[in-house]
Amino acid sequence: MSSTAALVGFAGPLGVTVASSVGAQYQVCSDAPCANVLLDWTTAPSTVTAPTYARLRLTSSPLALTERTAELAVGSQRGLWRVTTGAASDTQRFVRSGDWVRPAFATTSSAWVRVQCWGGGGGGGAGGTTRNPTGGAGGGYSVAAFAALALPTTVAVIIGDGGSGTPCCGDAEPGGASRFGDAVVAGGGMGGRFTGGNGPPGGIGTTEDGGVGGGSFTGNAGSTLMAGGGGGGWDAPSLLGGTSQDGGGHGGAASDGTTNGADGLPPGGGGGAAHTNLTSLRGGHGARGECVVITSDP
């Protein structure tokens, strides 16, 4: 809908018409906000007296970057209103497995598809007071771009689960890989170990690997730019999980044995370790993965 235009500077009634190939309508009001409508939306010719106000509306094109116009004539004066659509865009975000469907507008060689995927984070290990369990590793991050017409109309998207944190005393489960068909794969992070040692490696990503899990005495949980952060390990220099600067989830912190290890944050954060002899406590769960598919033209 257009802004409201004041119709002033004339005496006596003047004819009003609207010209448009797409069925544009006009409305006449006695005030600028159009709280008091004198003539409701119409395409039919009418007459107006000053001072009054008018505005236009039309249906924009379903196509990207396409202009439609409407011309309002009041007496001998004419005004042209132009409406141009923006670039077409579609975002499909997957936090569980499903099918990506190519948008209806993506039928030209100028349409592109950008795919981001994060693997699931590994769970945190849990070990007793004589052991120093490690945190789960973060999920990897992969990004790629494709011409829309080079892809099938439907692509299976698999979202990797986060690995479960283990109760004392055992190794945690790894995170699952996330996939956009076979074209984009982001690996899951390895699960934490209850026996300690170096932190487990992060999931493999074509753009960035996930953060390593925190090791016992050997290193802090890995932080990342976009991939999932690693979970904190017991007796690492810091018990905190690794962070992700932009996009990936942070890793969970290790616990001192009075609580569970903290769960990783989605997408792809690794679970924190739990230093405990109790089977009622566990390492933190790794976070699920994710895929985001953005289609644009142009």
C-alpha atoms as a PDB file:
ATOM      1  CA  MET A   1       0.000   0.000   0.000  1.00  0.00           C
ATOM      2  CA  SER A   2       1.249   3.476  -0.851  1.00  0.00           C
ATOM      3  CA  SER A   3       1.619   6.412   1.503  1.00  0.00           C
ATOM      4  CA  THR A   4      -1.268   8.884   1.634  1.00  0.00           C
ATOM      5  CA  ALA A   5      -1.197  11.866  -0.758  1.00  0.00           C
ATOM      6  CA  ALA A   6      -3.028  15.136  -0.089  1.00  0.00           C
ATOM      7  CA  LEU A   7      -5.363  16.291  -2.856  1.00  0.00           C
ATOM      8  CA  VAL A   8      -5.352  20.099  -2.519  1.00  0.00           C
ATOM      9  CA  GLY A   9      -5.131  23.254  -4.593  1.00  0.00           C
ATOM     10  CA  PHE A  10      -8.283  22.983  -6.651  1.00  0.00           C
ATOM     11  CA  ALA A  11     -11.855  24.182  -6.406  1.00  0.00           C
ATOM     12  CA  GLY A  12     -14.905  22.100  -7.169  1.00  0.00           C
ATOM     13  CA  PRO A  13     -15.142  18.352  -7.807  1.00  0.00           C
ATOM     14  CA  LEU A  14     -12.594  16.636 -10.032  1.00  0.00           C
ATOM     15  CA  GLY A  15     -12.730  13.217 -11.624  1.00  0.00           C
ATOM     16  CA  VAL A  16     -10.514  10.432 -10.212  1.00  0.00           C
ATOM     17  CA  THR A  17      -9.383   7.316 -12.088  1.00  0.00           C
ATOM     18  CA  VAL A  18      -6.777   4.636 -11.566  1.00  0.00           C
ATOM     19  CA  ALA A  19      -4.910   2.894 -14.376  1.00  0.00           C
ATOM     20  CA  SER A  20      -3.041  -0.371 -13.852  1.00  0.00           C
ATOM     21  CA  SER A  21      -2.616  -3.684 -15.636  1.00  0.00           C
ATOM     22  CA  VAL A  22      -2.744  -5.553 -12.317  1.00  0.00           C
ATOM     23  CA  GLY A  23      -6.020  -4.274 -10.866  1.00  0.00           C
ATOM     24  CA  ALA A  24      -4.719  -1.558  -8.549  1.00  0.00           C
ATOM     25  CA  GLN A  25      -7.282   0.147  -6.302  1.00  0.00           C
ATOM     26  CA  TYR A  26      -7.494   3.562  -4.650  1.00  0.00           C
ATOM     27  CA  GLN A  27      -9.099   4.837  -1.459  1.00  0.00           C
ATOM     28  CA  VAL A  28     -10.241   8.405  -0.605  1.00  0.00           C
ATOM     29  CA  CYS A  29     -10.250   9.737   2.967  1.00  0.00           C
ATOM     30  CA  SER A  30     -10.904  13.028   4.739  1.00  0.00           C
ATOM     31  CA  ASP A  31      -7.716  12.776   6.833  1.00  0.00           C
ATOM     32  CA  ALA A  32      -4.112  11.647   6.294  1.00  0.00           C
ATOM     33  CA  PRO A  33      -4.279   8.526   8.539  1.00  0.00           C
ATOM     34  CA  CYS A  34      -7.480   7.503   6.689  1.00  0.00           C
ATOM     35  CA  ALA A  35      -9.402   7.115   9.930  1.00  0.00           C
ATOM     36  CA  ASN A  36     -12.434   8.560   8.114  1.00  0.00           C
ATOM     37  CA  VAL A  37     -12.926   6.846   4.746  1.00  0.00           C
ATOM     38  CA  LEU A  38     -14.970   8.720   2.156  1.00  0.00           C
ATOM     39  CA  LEU A  39     -14.625   6.162  -0.640  1.00  0.00           C
ATOM     40  CA  ASP A  40     -13.403   2.655   0.147  1.00  0.00           C
ATOM     41  CA  TRP A  41     -11.046   0.659  -2.059  1.00  0.00           C
ATOM     42  CA  THR A  42     -12.243   0.671  -5.664  1.00  0.00           C
ATOM     43  CA  THR A  43     -11.153   0.612  -9.282  1.00  0.00           C
ATOM     44  CA  ALA A  44     -14.196   2.578 -10.482  1.00  0.00           C
ATOM     45  CA  PRO A  45     -13.978   6.266 -11.536  1.00  0.00           C
ATOM     46  CA  SER A  46     -15.311   8.818  -9.029  1.00  0.00           C
ATOM     47  CA  THR A  47     -15.075  12.514  -8.105  1.00  0.00           C
ATOM     48  CA  VAL A  48     -13.374  14.277  -5.199  1.00  0.00           C
ATOM     49  CA  THR A  49     -13.379  17.733  -3.657  1.00  0.00           C
ATOM     50  CA  ALA A  50     -10.500  19.448  -1.874  1.00  0.00           C
ATOM     51  CA  PRO A  51      -9.115  18.932   0.657  1.00  0.00           C
ATOM     52  CA  THR A  52      -9.093  15.143   0.630  1.00  0.00           C
ATOM     53  CA  TYR A  53      -6.511  12.365   0.698  1.00  0.00           C
ATOM     54  CA  ALA A  54      -5.916   9.304  -1.465  1.00  0.00           C
ATOM     55  CA  ARG A  55      -3.746   6.185  -1.433  1.00  0.00           C
ATOM     56  CA  LEU A  56      -3.167   3.172  -3.697  1.00  0.00           C
ATOM     57  CA  ARG A  57      -2.728  -0.537  -3.291  1.00  0.00           C
ATOM     58  CA  LEU A  58      -1.826  -3.383  -5.650  1.00  0.00           C
ATOM     59  CA  THR A  59      -0.575  -6.953  -5.533  1.00  0.00           C
ATOM     60  CA  SER A  60       3.176  -7.160  -6.087  1.00  0.00           C
ATOM     61  CA  SER A  61       4.671  -9.622  -8.546  1.00  0.00           C
ATOM     62  CA  PRO A  62       5.502 -13.143  -7.321  1.00  0.00           C
ATOM     63  CA  LEU A  63       8.766 -12.858  -9.272  1.00  0.00           C
ATOM     64  CA  ALA A  64      11.962 -11.362  -7.904  1.00  0.00           C
ATOM     65  CA  LEU A  65      13.082  -7.884  -9.004  1.00  0.00           C
ATOM     66  CA  THR A  66       9.885  -7.267 -10.990  1.00  0.00           C
ATOM     67  CA  GLU A  67       8.131  -3.898 -11.193  1.00  0.00           C
ATOM     68  CA  ARG A  68       4.409  -3.192 -11.224  1.00  0.00           C
ATOM     69  CA  THR A  69       2.876   0.294 -11.490  1.00  0.00           C
ATOM     70  CA  ALA A  70      -0.360   2.144 -10.901  1.00  0.00           C
ATOM     71  CA  GLU A  71      -1.283   5.656 -12.112  1.00  0.00           C
ATOM     72  CA  LEU A  72      -3.759   7.818 -10.205  1.00  0.00           C
ATOM     73  CA  ALA A  73      -5.326  10.670 -12.216  1.00  0.00           C
ATOM     74  CA  VAL A  74      -7.090  13.583 -10.483  1.00  0.00           C
ATOM     75  CA  GLY A  75      -8.404  15.966 -13.076  1.00  0.00           C
ATOM     76  CA  SER A  76      -5.491  16.658 -15.415  1.00  0.00           C
ATOM     77  CA  GLN A  77      -2.848  15.733 -12.826  1.00  0.00           C
ATOM     78  CA  ARG A  78      -1.319  12.260 -12.769  1.00  0.00           C
ATOM     79  CA  GLY A  79       0.928  10.441 -10.342  1.00  0.00           C
ATOM     80  CA  LEU A  80       2.752   7.142 -10.988  1.00  0.00           C
ATOM     81  CA  TRP A  81       3.380   4.648  -8.173  1.00  0.00           C
ATOM     82  CA  ARG A  82       6.025   1.934  -8.693  1.00  0.00           C
ATOM     83  CA  VAL A  83       6.333  -1.292  -6.693  1.00  0.00           C
ATOM     84  CA  THR A  84       9.435  -3.471  -7.247  1.00  0.00           C
ATOM     85  CA  THR A  85       9.946  -6.806  -5.563  1.00  0.00           C
ATOM     86  CA  GLY A  86      13.249  -7.627  -3.890  1.00  0.00           C
ATOM     87  CA  ALA A  87      15.501 -10.590  -4.441  1.00  0.00           C
ATOM     88  CA  ALA A  88      13.799 -13.910  -3.765  1.00  0.00           C
ATOM     89  CA  SER A  89      15.073 -15.742  -0.697  1.00  0.00           C
ATOM     90  CA  ASP A  90      14.157 -18.871   1.238  1.00  0.00           C
ATOM     91  CA  THR A  91      15.668 -20.226   4.467  1.00  0.00           C
ATOM     92  CA  GLN A  92      15.068 -23.782   5.670  1.00  0.00           C
ATOM     93  CA  ARG A  93      16.544 -24.616   9.083  1.00  0.00           C
ATOM     94  CA  PHE A  94      16.806 -28.248  10.148  1.00  0.00           C
ATOM     95  CA  VAL A  95      17.178 -29.233  13.793  1.00  0.00           C
ATOM     96  CA  ARG A  96      15.935 -32.748  13.052  1.00  0.00           C
ATOM     97  CA  SER A  97      16.185 -34.887   9.945  1.00  0.00           C
ATOM     98  CA  GLY A  98      13.888 -34.119   7.025  1.00  0.00           C
ATOM     99  CA  ASP A  99      13.824 -33.203   3.327  1.00  0.00           C
ATOM    100  CA  TRP A 100      14.952 -29.958   1.763  1.00  0.00           C
ATOM    101  CA  VAL A 101      12.654 -28.935  -1.085  1.00  0.00           C
ATOM    102  CA  ARG A 102      13.947 -26.542  -3.732  1.00  0.00           C
ATOM    103  CA  PRO A 103      11.823 -23.353  -3.660  1.00  0.00           C
ATOM    104  CA  ALA A 104       9.510 -22.731  -6.590  1.00  0.00           C
ATOM    105  CA  PHE A 105      11.300 -19.498  -7.543  1.00  0.00           C
ATOM    106  CA  ALA A 106      14.690 -21.210  -7.969  1.00  0.00           C
ATOM    107  CA  THR A 107      14.271 -22.068 -11.640  1.00  0.00           C
ATOM    108  CA  THR A 108      16.996 -19.959 -13.250  1.00  0.00           C
ATOM    109  CA  SER A 109      20.756 -20.217 -13.562  1.00  0.00           C
ATOM    110  CA  SER A 110      21.121 -17.196 -11.252  1.00  0.00           C
ATOM    111  CA  ALA A 111      19.650 -19.013  -8.221  1.00  0.00           C
ATOM    112  CA  TRP A 112      22.131 -20.304  -5.641  1.00  0.00           C
ATOM    113  CA  VAL A 113      21.915 -22.485  -2.551  1.00  0.00           C
ATOM    114  CA  ARG A 114      24.194 -22.043   0.492  1.00  0.00           C
ATOM    115  CA  VAL A 115      24.347 -24.955   2.936  1.00  0.00           C
ATOM    116  CA  GLN A 116      25.757 -24.873   6.487  1.00  0.00           C
ATOM    117  CA  CYS A 117      25.891 -27.994   8.660  1.00  0.00           C
ATOM    118  CA  TRP A 118      27.105 -28.721  12.191  1.00  0.00           C
ATOM    119  CA  GLY A 119      27.724 -32.230  13.491  1.00  0.00           C
ATOM    120  CA  GLY A 120      26.481 -33.379  16.897  1.00  0.00           C
ATOM    121  CA  GLY A 121      28.695 -32.881  19.943  1.00  0.00           C
ATOM    122  CA  GLY A 122      30.172 -35.819  21.857  1.00  0.00           C
ATOM    123  CA  GLY A 123      28.994 -36.650  25.358  1.00  0.00           C
ATOM    124  CA  GLY A 124      31.162 -36.038  28.413  1.00  0.00           C
ATOM    125  CA  GLY A 125      32.893 -38.919  30.187  1.00  0.00           C
ATOM    126  CA  ALA A 126      32.396 -39.761  33.867  1.00  0.00           C
ATOM    127  CA  GLY A 127      35.047 -41.288  36.090  1.00  0.00           C
ATOM    128  CA  GLY A 128      35.700 -41.790  39.777  1.00  0.00           C
ATOM    129  CA  THR A 129      38.086 -40.053  42.129  1.00  0.00           C
ATOM    130  CA  THR A 130      41.052 -42.047  40.879  1.00  0.00           C
ATOM    131  CA  ARG A 131      40.357 -41.035  37.293  1.00  0.00           C
ATOM    132  CA  ASN A 132      40.180 -37.746  35.428  1.00  0.00           C
ATOM    133  CA  PRO A 133      37.506 -37.980  32.714  1.00  0.00           C
ATOM    134  CA  THR A 134      37.640 -35.877  29.558  1.00  0.00           C
ATOM    135  CA  GLY A 135      34.970 -33.709  27.998  1.00  0.00           C
ATOM    136  CA  GLY A 136      33.178 -34.538  24.779  1.00  0.00           C
ATOM    137  CA  ALA A 137      34.419 -32.955  21.566  1.00  0.00           C
ATOM    138  CA  GLY A 138      32.450 -30.438  19.508  1.00  0.00           C
ATOM    139  CA  GLY A 139      30.800 -31.179  16.176  1.00  0.00           C
ATOM    140  CA  GLY A 140      32.484 -30.112  12.946  1.00  0.00           C
ATOM    141  CA  TYR A 141      31.274 -27.293  10.673  1.00  0.00           C
ATOM    142  CA  SER A 142      30.932 -27.473   6.883  1.00  0.00           C
ATOM    143  CA  VAL A 143      29.649 -24.886   4.415  1.00  0.00           C
ATOM    144  CA  ALA A 144      29.268 -25.031   0.632  1.00  0.00           C
ATOM    145  CA  ALA A 145      27.394 -23.265  -2.168  1.00  0.00           C
ATOM    146  CA  PHE A 146      25.723 -24.756  -5.254  1.00  0.00           C
ATOM    147  CA  ALA A 147      23.827 -23.607  -8.298  1.00  0.00           C
ATOM    148  CA  ALA A 148      20.198 -24.380  -7.458  1.00  0.00           C
ATOM    149  CA  LEU A 149      19.586 -26.191 -10.739  1.00  0.00           C
ATOM    150  CA  ALA A 150      22.565 -28.470 -10.071  1.00  0.00           C
ATOM    151  CA  LEU A 151      20.715 -29.956  -7.082  1.00  0.00           C
ATOM    152  CA  PRO A 152      17.769 -32.357  -7.098  1.00  0.00           C
ATOM    153  CA  THR A 153      14.382 -30.869  -6.311  1.00  0.00           C
ATOM    154  CA  THR A 154      14.446 -32.756  -2.986  1.00  0.00           C
ATOM    155  CA  VAL A 155      17.500 -33.528  -0.849  1.00  0.00           C
ATOM    156  CA  ALA A 156      17.521 -35.674   2.307  1.00  0.00           C
ATOM    157  CA  VAL A 157      18.911 -33.817   5.329  1.00  0.00           C
ATOM    158  CA  ILE A 158      20.235 -35.904   8.228  1.00  0.00           C
ATOM    159  CA  ILE A 159      20.841 -34.186  11.562  1.00  0.00           C
ATOM    160  CA  GLY A 160      23.348 -35.837  13.874  1.00  0.00           C
ATOM    161  CA  ASP A 161      22.266 -36.496  17.443  1.00  0.00           C
ATOM    162  CA  GLY A 162      24.372 -35.357  20.350  1.00  0.00           C
ATOM    163  CA  GLY A 163      26.249 -38.144  22.092  1.00  0.00           C
ATOM    164  CA  SER A 164      24.876 -39.222  25.455  1.00  0.00           C
ATOM    165  CA  GLY A 165      26.965 -38.469  28.523  1.00  0.00           C
ATOM    166  CA  THR A 166      27.876 -41.582  30.472  1.00  0.00           C
ATOM    167  CA  PRO A 167      27.372 -42.366  34.155  1.00  0.00           C
ATOM    168  CA  CYS A 168      30.363 -43.552  36.123  1.00  0.00           C
ATOM    169  CA  CYS A 169      32.390 -45.225  34.930  1.00  0.00           C
ATOM    170  CA  GLY A 170      32.512 -45.333  31.146  1.00  0.00           C
ATOM    171  CA  ASP A 171      33.277 -43.609  27.871  1.00  0.00           C
ATOM    172  CA  ALA A 172      30.565 -41.383  26.446  1.00  0.00           C
ATOM    173  CA  GLU A 173      28.904 -41.703  23.058  1.00  0.00           C
ATOM    174  CA  PRO A 174      30.144 -39.740  20.032  1.00  0.00           C
ATOM    175  CA  GLY A 175      27.962 -37.214  18.252  1.00  0.00           C
ATOM    176  CA  GLY A 176      26.412 -38.096  14.911  1.00  0.00           C
ATOM    177  CA  ALA A 177      27.287 -36.588  11.542  1.00  0.00           C
ATOM    178  CA  SER A 178      24.934 -34.101   9.876  1.00  0.00           C
ATOM    179  CA  ARG A 179      24.447 -34.351   6.103  1.00  0.00           C
ATOM    180  CA  PHE A 180      22.855 -32.503   3.219  1.00  0.00           C
ATOM    181  CA  GLY A 181      22.582 -35.464   0.875  1.00  0.00           C
ATOM    182  CA  ASP A 182      26.125 -36.508   0.032  1.00  0.00           C
ATOM    183  CA  ALA A 183      27.150 -32.965  -0.870  1.00  0.00           C
ATOM    184  CA  VAL A 184      27.804 -31.530   2.602  1.00  0.00           C
ATOM    185  CA  VAL A 185      28.895 -33.543   5.640  1.00  0.00           C
ATOM    186  CA  ALA A 186      29.840 -32.311   9.125  1.00  0.00           C
ATOM    187  CA  GLY A 187      31.253 -34.966  11.434  1.00  0.00           C
ATOM    188  CA  GLY A 188      30.227 -35.541  15.042  1.00  0.00           C
ATOM    189  CA  GLY A 189      32.601 -34.997  17.953  1.00  0.00           C
ATOM    190  CA  MET A 190      34.109 -37.968  19.792  1.00  0.00           C
ATOM    191  CA  GLY A 191      32.797 -38.874  23.220  1.00  0.00           C
ATOM    192  CA  GLY A 192      34.756 -38.167  26.405  1.00  0.00           C
ATOM    193  CA  ARG A 193      36.822 -40.938  28.053  1.00  0.00           C
ATOM    194  CA  PHE A 194      36.506 -41.896  31.701  1.00  0.00           C
ATOM    195  CA  THR A 195      40.150 -42.952  31.943  1.00  0.00           C
ATOM    196  CA  GLY A 196      41.481 -39.454  31.256  1.00  0.00           C
ATOM    197  CA  GLY A 197      44.376 -38.491  29.037  1.00  0.00           C
ATOM    198  CA  ASN A 198      44.250 -36.170  26.074  1.00  0.00           C
ATOM    199  CA  GLY A 199      40.908 -34.686  25.091  1.00  0.00           C
ATOM    200  CA  PRO A 200      39.081 -36.438  22.221  1.00  0.00           C
ATOM    201  CA  PRO A 201      39.246 -34.858  18.761  1.00  0.00           C
ATOM    202  CA  GLY A 202      36.491 -32.705  17.363  1.00  0.00           C
ATOM    203  CA  GLY A 203      34.232 -33.743  14.521  1.00  0.00           C
ATOM    204  CA  ILE A 204      35.693 -33.249  11.059  1.00  0.00           C
ATOM    205  CA  GLY A 205      34.299 -30.343   9.057  1.00  0.00           C
ATOM    206  CA  THR A 206      35.312 -29.170   5.600  1.00  0.00           C
ATOM    207  CA  THR A 207      35.393 -25.598   6.940  1.00  0.00           C
ATOM    208  CA  GLU A 208      36.401 -26.131  10.565  1.00  0.00           C
ATOM    209  CA  ASP A 209      36.819 -29.125  12.863  1.00  0.00           C
ATOM    210  CA  GLY A 210      34.997 -29.156  16.176  1.00  0.00           C
ATOM    211  CA  GLY A 211      36.752 -28.140  19.379  1.00  0.00           C
ATOM    212  CA  VAL A 212      38.631 -30.865  21.215  1.00  0.00           C
ATOM    213  CA  GLY A 213      37.279 -32.065  24.518  1.00  0.00           C
ATOM    214  CA  GLY A 214      39.071 -30.881  27.631  1.00  0.00           C
ATOM    215  CA  GLY A 215      41.810 -33.330  28.713  1.00  0.00           C
ATOM    216  CA  SER A 216      42.961 -34.301  32.172  1.00  0.00           C
ATOM    217  CA  PHE A 217      45.965 -32.109  32.984  1.00  0.00           C
ATOM    218  CA  THR A 218      46.713 -31.869  29.271  1.00  0.00           C
ATOM    219  CA  GLY A 219      44.662 -29.000  27.912  1.00  0.00           C
ATOM    220  CA  ASN A 220      41.521 -26.933  28.022  1.00  0.00           C
ATOM    221  CA  ALA A 221      38.458 -27.630  25.902  1.00  0.00           C
ATOM    222  CA  GLY A 222      38.846 -26.329  22.381  1.00  0.00           C
ATOM    223  CA  SER A 223      37.182 -23.082  21.285  1.00  0.00           C
ATOM    224  CA  THR A 224      36.220 -22.441  17.674  1.00  0.00           C
ATOM    225  CA  LEU A 225      35.118 -19.817  15.191  1.00  0.00           C
ATOM    226  CA  MET A 226      32.019 -21.576  13.803  1.00  0.00           C
ATOM    227  CA  ALA A 227      32.171 -25.260  14.822  1.00  0.00           C
ATOM    228  CA  GLY A 228      30.913 -26.671  18.121  1.00  0.00           C
ATOM    229  CA  GLY A 229      33.047 -26.017  21.207  1.00  0.00           C
ATOM    230  CA  GLY A 230      34.520 -28.905  23.203  1.00  0.00           C
ATOM    231  CA  GLY A 231      33.221 -29.929  26.616  1.00  0.00           C
ATOM    232  CA  GLY A 232      35.283 -29.200  29.700  1.00  0.00           C
ATOM    233  CA  GLY A 233      37.498 -31.944  31.169  1.00  0.00           C
ATOM    234  CA  TRP A 234      38.222 -32.710  34.813  1.00  0.00           C
ATOM    235  CA  ASP A 235      41.592 -31.398  36.060  1.00  0.00           C
ATOM    236  CA  ALA A 236      42.198 -29.513  32.852  1.00  0.00           C
ATOM    237  CA  PRO A 237      43.653 -26.038  33.558  1.00  0.00           C
ATOM    238  CA  SER A 238      40.059 -24.800  33.177  1.00  0.00           C
ATOM    239  CA  LEU A 239      36.908 -26.824  33.752  1.00  0.00           C
ATOM    240  CA  LEU A 240      34.927 -24.606  31.396  1.00  0.00           C
ATOM    241  CA  GLY A 241      33.739 -25.750  27.999  1.00  0.00           C
ATOM    242  CA  GLY A 242      35.098 -24.279  24.807  1.00  0.00           C
ATOM    243  CA  THR A 243      33.234 -21.430  23.123  1.00  0.00           C
ATOM    244  CA  SER A 244      32.185 -20.854  19.529  1.00  0.00           C
ATOM    245  CA  GLN A 245      32.451 -17.282  18.310  1.00  0.00           C
ATOM    246  CA  ASP A 246      29.713 -17.368  15.697  1.00  0.00           C
ATOM    247  CA  GLY A 247      27.222 -20.087  14.845  1.00  0.00           C
ATOM    248  CA  GLY A 248      28.294 -23.178  16.779  1.00  0.00           C
ATOM    249  CA  GLY A 249      27.240 -24.120  20.310  1.00  0.00           C
ATOM    250  CA  HIS A 250      29.424 -23.774  23.393  1.00  0.00           C
ATOM    251  CA  GLY A 251      30.744 -26.839  25.159  1.00  0.00           C
ATOM    252  CA  GLY A 252      29.473 -27.747  28.631  1.00  0.00           C
ATOM    253  CA  ALA A 253      31.574 -27.296  31.759  1.00  0.00           C
ATOM    254  CA  ALA A 254      32.976 -30.208  33.769  1.00  0.00           C
ATOM    255  CA  SER A 255      31.442 -30.931  37.179  1.00  0.00           C
ATOM    256  CA  ASP A 256      33.138 -31.574  40.514  1.00  0.00           C
ATOM    257  CA  GLY A 257      31.129 -34.719  41.202  1.00  0.00           C
ATOM    258  CA  THR A 258      28.158 -33.163  42.980  1.00  0.00           C
ATOM    259  CA  THR A 259      26.217 -32.570  39.752  1.00  0.00           C
ATOM    260  CA  ASN A 260      26.106 -33.886  36.218  1.00  0.00           C
ATOM    261  CA  GLY A 261      28.544 -32.479  33.734  1.00  0.00           C
ATOM    262  CA  ALA A 262      26.910 -29.577  31.869  1.00  0.00           C
ATOM    263  CA  ASP A 263      25.251 -30.372  28.551  1.00  0.00           C
ATOM    264  CA  GLY A 264      26.669 -28.830  25.398  1.00  0.00           C
ATOM    265  CA  LEU A 265      24.672 -26.110  23.659  1.00  0.00           C
ATOM    266  CA  PRO A 266      23.317 -26.557  20.121  1.00  0.00           C
ATOM    267  CA  PRO A 267      24.464 -26.809  17.520  1.00  0.00           C
ATOM    268  CA  GLY A 268      27.313 -29.189  18.177  1.00  0.00           C
ATOM    269  CA  GLY A 269      28.616 -28.316  21.660  1.00  0.00           C
ATOM    270  CA  GLY A 270      30.382 -31.144  23.515  1.00  0.00           C
ATOM    271  CA  GLY A 271      29.264 -32.312  26.973  1.00  0.00           C
ATOM    272  CA  GLY A 272      31.305 -31.604  30.085  1.00  0.00           C
ATOM    273  CA  ALA A 273      32.959 -34.384  32.100  1.00  0.00           C
ATOM    274  CA  ALA A 274      31.776 -35.511  35.547  1.00  0.00           C
ATOM    275  CA  HIS A 275      34.323 -36.415  38.232  1.00  0.00           C
ATOM    276  CA  THR A 276      32.267 -38.892  40.223  1.00  0.00           C
ATOM    277  CA  ASN A 277      32.010 -42.459  41.534  1.00  0.00           C
ATOM    278  CA  LEU A 278      28.218 -42.263  41.562  1.00  0.00           C
ATOM    279  CA  THR A 279      26.258 -44.064  38.874  1.00  0.00           C
ATOM    280  CA  SER A 280      23.455 -41.568  39.506  1.00  0.00           C
ATOM    281  CA  LEU A 281      25.563 -38.797  37.972  1.00  0.00           C
ATOM    282  CA  ARG A 282      26.766 -38.558  34.397  1.00  0.00           C
ATOM    283  CA  GLY A 283      28.805 -36.530  32.012  1.00  0.00           C
ATOM    284  CA  GLY A 284      26.994 -33.838  30.044  1.00  0.00           C
ATOM    285  CA  HIS A 285      25.136 -34.760  26.883  1.00  0.00           C
ATOM    286  CA  GLY A 286      26.488 -33.483  23.597  1.00  0.00           C
ATOM    287  CA  ALA A 287      24.225 -31.119  21.650  1.00  0.00           C
ATOM    288  CA  ARG A 288      22.432 -32.033  18.435  1.00  0.00           C
ATOM    289  CA  GLY A 289      23.693 -30.879  15.066  1.00  0.00           C
ATOM    290  CA  GLU A 290      21.940 -28.602  12.604  1.00  0.00           C
ATOM    291  CA  CYS A 291      21.769 -27.636   8.924  1.00  0.00           C
ATOM    292  CA  VAL A 292      20.687 -24.284   7.479  1.00  0.00           C
ATOM    293  CA  VAL A 293      19.919 -24.069   3.755  1.00  0.00           C
ATOM    294  CA  ILE A 294      19.503 -20.616   2.182  1.00  0.00           C
ATOM    295  CA  THR A 295      18.304 -20.234  -1.413  1.00  0.00           C
ATOM    296  CA  SER A 296      18.488 -16.852  -3.163  1.00  0.00           C
ATOM    297  CA  ASP A 297      17.929 -15.415  -6.624  1.00  0.00           C
ATOM    298  CA  PRO A 298      19.853 -13.393  -7.557  1.00  0.00           C
END
